[in-house]
C-alpha atoms as a PDB file:
ATOM      1  CA  MET A   1     125.133  60.065 104.163  1.00  0.00           C
ATOM      2  CA  GLU A   2     121.592  59.963 105.535  1.00  0.00           C
ATOM      3  CA  ARG A   3     120.520  63.366 106.899  1.00  0.00           C
ATOM      4  CA  VAL A   4     117.785  64.467 109.247  1.00  0.00           C
ATOM      5  CA  THR A   5     114.906  66.199 107.483  1.00  0.00           C
ATOM      6  CA  GLY A   6     114.050  68.817 110.084  1.00  0.00           C
ATOM      7  CA  ILE A   7     113.372  69.451 113.740  1.00  0.00           C
ATOM      8  CA  GLY A   8     110.818  66.985 115.095  1.00  0.00           C
ATOM      9  CA  GLY A   9     110.253  68.725 118.407  1.00  0.00           C
ATOM     10  CA  VAL A  10     111.549  71.141 120.991  1.00  0.00           C
ATOM     11  CA  PHE A  11     111.474  69.851 124.562  1.00  0.00           C
ATOM     12  CA  PHE A  12     112.351  71.842 127.665  1.00  0.00           C
ATOM     13  CA  ARG A  13     111.534  72.044 131.354  1.00  0.00           C
ATOM     14  CA  ALA A  14     108.908  74.455 132.678  1.00  0.00           C
ATOM     15  CA  ARG A  15     107.520  75.338 136.111  1.00  0.00           C
ATOM     16  CA  ASP A  16     103.960  75.101 134.731  1.00  0.00           C
ATOM     17  CA  PRO A  17     104.042  73.194 131.410  1.00  0.00           C
ATOM     18  CA  ALA A  18     100.279  73.384 130.764  1.00  0.00           C
ATOM     19  CA  ALA A  19     100.128  77.160 131.320  1.00  0.00           C
ATOM     20  CA  LEU A  20     103.214  77.732 129.192  1.00  0.00           C
ATOM     21  CA  ALA A  21     101.794  75.575 126.373  1.00  0.00           C
ATOM     22  CA  ARG A  22      98.601  77.667 126.476  1.00  0.00           C
ATOM     23  CA  TRP A  23     100.672  80.904 126.304  1.00  0.00           C
ATOM     24  CA  TYR A  24     102.541  79.686 123.211  1.00  0.00           C
ATOM     25  CA  GLU A  25      99.243  78.653 121.600  1.00  0.00           C
ATOM     26  CA  GLN A  26      97.458  81.920 122.442  1.00  0.00           C
ATOM     27  CA  HIS A  27     100.234  84.335 121.502  1.00  0.00           C
ATOM     28  CA  LEU A  28     102.312  82.537 118.864  1.00  0.00           C
ATOM     29  CA  GLY A  29      99.820  80.071 117.386  1.00  0.00           C
ATOM     30  CA  ILE A  30     101.745  76.926 118.320  1.00  0.00           C
ATOM     31  CA  ASP A  31      99.369  74.008 118.839  1.00  0.00           C
ATOM     32  CA  PRO A  32     100.086  72.121 122.088  1.00  0.00           C
ATOM     33  CA  VAL A  33     100.979  68.428 122.030  1.00  0.00           C
ATOM     34  CA  PRO A  34      97.783  66.411 121.494  1.00  0.00           C
ATOM     35  CA  THR A  35      96.568  64.514 124.550  1.00  0.00           C
ATOM     36  CA  GLY A  36      94.448  62.019 122.621  1.00  0.00           C
ATOM     37  CA  GLU A  37      94.017  60.305 119.320  1.00  0.00           C
ATOM     38  CA  GLY A  38      93.227  62.583 116.402  1.00  0.00           C
ATOM     39  CA  GLY A  39      94.788  65.658 117.988  1.00  0.00           C
ATOM     40  CA  LYS A  40      96.528  68.169 115.749  1.00  0.00           C
ATOM     41  CA  VAL A  41     100.303  68.545 115.937  1.00  0.00           C
ATOM     42  CA  TRP A  42     101.780  71.965 115.121  1.00  0.00           C
ATOM     43  CA  GLU A  43     103.157  71.957 111.566  1.00  0.00           C
ATOM     44  CA  PRO A  44     105.491  74.867 110.906  1.00  0.00           C
ATOM     45  CA  ALA A  45     105.907  76.198 107.383  1.00  0.00           C
ATOM     46  CA  GLY A  46     109.061  75.183 105.574  1.00  0.00           C
ATOM     47  CA  GLY A  47     111.931  77.586 105.469  1.00  0.00           C
ATOM     48  CA  PRO A  48     115.443  78.164 106.713  1.00  0.00           C
ATOM     49  CA  THR A  49     116.399  76.707 110.083  1.00  0.00           C
ATOM     50  CA  VAL A  50     119.582  77.615 111.943  1.00  0.00           C
ATOM     51  CA  PHE A  51     121.258  75.003 114.137  1.00  0.00           C
ATOM     52  CA  ALA A  52     124.002  76.743 116.119  1.00  0.00           C
ATOM     53  CA  PRO A  53     125.714  75.560 119.301  1.00  0.00           C
ATOM     54  CA  PHE A  54     127.086  78.492 121.331  1.00  0.00           C
ATOM     55  CA  LYS A  55     129.982  78.714 123.782  1.00  0.00           C
ATOM     56  CA  LEU A  56     129.088  77.981 127.405  1.00  0.00           C
ATOM     57  CA  ASP A  57     129.902  81.541 128.475  1.00  0.00           C
ATOM     58  CA  THR A  58     127.777  83.281 125.818  1.00  0.00           C
ATOM     59  CA  GLY A  59     125.709  86.240 126.937  1.00  0.00           C
ATOM     60  CA  TYR A  60     123.477  85.966 123.869  1.00  0.00           C
ATOM     61  CA  PHE A  61     120.694  84.007 125.612  1.00  0.00           C
ATOM     62  CA  GLY A  62     120.360  86.423 128.515  1.00  0.00           C
ATOM     63  CA  ARG A  63     120.727  84.963 131.976  1.00  0.00           C
ATOM     64  CA  GLU A  64     123.708  82.696 132.540  1.00  0.00           C
ATOM     65  CA  SER A  65     121.618  79.657 133.511  1.00  0.00           C
ATOM     66  CA  GLN A  66     119.690  79.738 130.210  1.00  0.00           C
ATOM     67  CA  GLN A  67     120.634  76.640 128.210  1.00  0.00           C
ATOM     68  CA  PHE A  68     118.656  77.301 125.034  1.00  0.00           C
ATOM     69  CA  MET A  69     116.853  79.971 123.072  1.00  0.00           C
ATOM     70  CA  LEU A  70     113.943  79.523 120.693  1.00  0.00           C
ATOM     71  CA  ASN A  71     113.977  81.274 117.338  1.00  0.00           C
ATOM     72  CA  PHE A  72     110.750  81.339 115.333  1.00  0.00           C
ATOM     73  CA  ARG A  73     110.369  82.494 111.732  1.00  0.00           C
ATOM     74  CA  VAL A  74     107.479  84.893 111.151  1.00  0.00           C
ATOM     75  CA  GLY A  75     105.985  86.207 107.926  1.00  0.00           C
ATOM     76  CA  ASN A  76     105.319  89.713 109.215  1.00  0.00           C
ATOM     77  CA  LEU A  77     107.341  90.773 112.241  1.00  0.00           C
ATOM     78  CA  ASP A  78     105.521  94.095 112.665  1.00  0.00           C
ATOM     79  CA  ALA A  79     102.120  92.358 112.766  1.00  0.00           C
ATOM     80  CA  MET A  80     103.390  89.753 115.253  1.00  0.00           C
ATOM     81  CA  LEU A  81     104.831  92.441 117.539  1.00  0.00           C
ATOM     82  CA  ALA A  82     101.605  94.467 117.360  1.00  0.00           C
ATOM     83  CA  GLN A  83      99.640  91.354 118.329  1.00  0.00           C
ATOM     84  CA  LEU A  84     101.926  90.674 121.288  1.00  0.00           C
ATOM     85  CA  ARG A  85     101.884  94.329 122.361  1.00  0.00           C
ATOM     86  CA  ALA A  86      98.056  94.324 122.265  1.00  0.00           C
ATOM     87  CA  ALA A  87      98.142  91.325 124.632  1.00  0.00           C
ATOM     88  CA  GLY A  88     100.270  93.301 127.101  1.00  0.00           C
ATOM     89  CA  ILE A  89     103.561  91.586 126.249  1.00  0.00           C
ATOM     90  CA  GLU A  90     106.639  93.797 126.253  1.00  0.00           C
ATOM     91  CA  VAL A  91     108.201  93.942 122.789  1.00  0.00           C
ATOM     92  CA  PRO A  92     111.406  95.617 121.621  1.00  0.00           C
ATOM     93  CA  VAL A  93     112.110  97.649 118.520  1.00  0.00           C
ATOM     94  CA  PRO A  94     113.089  95.188 115.749  1.00  0.00           C
ATOM     95  CA  GLU A  95     116.710  95.065 114.642  1.00  0.00           C
ATOM     96  CA  GLU A  96     117.899  94.752 111.022  1.00  0.00           C
ATOM     97  CA  TYR A  97     120.636  92.323 109.984  1.00  0.00           C
ATOM     98  CA  PRO A  98     121.727  90.906 106.624  1.00  0.00           C
ATOM     99  CA  GLN A  99     119.620  87.776 107.329  1.00  0.00           C
ATOM    100  CA  GLY A 100     116.463  89.781 108.067  1.00  0.00           C
ATOM    101  CA  ARG A 101     114.714  91.485 110.988  1.00  0.00           C
ATOM    102  CA  PHE A 102     114.777  90.205 114.563  1.00  0.00           C
ATOM    103  CA  ALA A 103     113.040  90.988 117.847  1.00  0.00           C
ATOM    104  CA  ARG A 104     113.483  89.218 121.176  1.00  0.00           C
ATOM    105  CA  VAL A 105     110.595  88.704 123.568  1.00  0.00           C
ATOM    106  CA  HIS A 106     110.265  86.459 126.641  1.00  0.00           C
ATOM    107  CA  ASP A 107     107.658  83.909 127.612  1.00  0.00           C
ATOM    108  CA  PRO A 108     106.031  84.034 131.085  1.00  0.00           C
ATOM    109  CA  GLU A 109     108.842  81.901 132.551  1.00  0.00           C
ATOM    110  CA  GLY A 110     111.537  84.262 131.259  1.00  0.00           C
ATOM    111  CA  ASN A 111     112.727  82.121 128.337  1.00  0.00           C
ATOM    112  CA  PRO A 112     114.031  84.243 125.475  1.00  0.00           C
ATOM    113  CA  ILE A 113     112.215  83.919 122.143  1.00  0.00           C
ATOM    114  CA  GLU A 114     113.793  85.393 119.052  1.00  0.00           C
ATOM    115  CA  LEU A 115     111.311  86.265 116.313  1.00  0.00           C
ATOM    116  CA  TRP A 116     112.882  86.315 112.848  1.00  0.00           C
ATOM    117  CA  GLU A 117     111.470  87.712 109.635  1.00  0.00           C
ATOM    118  CA  PRO A 118     113.925  86.345 107.033  1.00  0.00           C
ATOM    119  CA  LYS A 119     115.080  88.731 104.341  1.00  0.00           C
ATOM    120  CA  GLU A 120     113.302  88.088 101.051  1.00  0.00           C
ATOM    121  CA  GLU A 121     115.611  87.167  98.227  1.00  0.00           C
END
């Protein structure tokens, strides 16, 4: 069976797409989609990726109308949270799980973002 090799993009609606793209670039280091030839596309580092549909009535994403949640791997969760905190972004205390450490923040439009520092094996 032929298999996909990874996620090629994440697409979602936003009230102000340009401003939100700038926020993700400034605070999480995600390059925005190039607008011309020769532009750089964000290339995430390889690593584990979870693909998990949830039940319609899940409370895991936060508000009921939320249809998705982003989860980004990070190398150093404490450093990422300190960086976000220094920028005035509210950050929670990280939580420990068998898969690693997690912290959930929100972008300016209220979308949940789960930051994941995978457990080293």
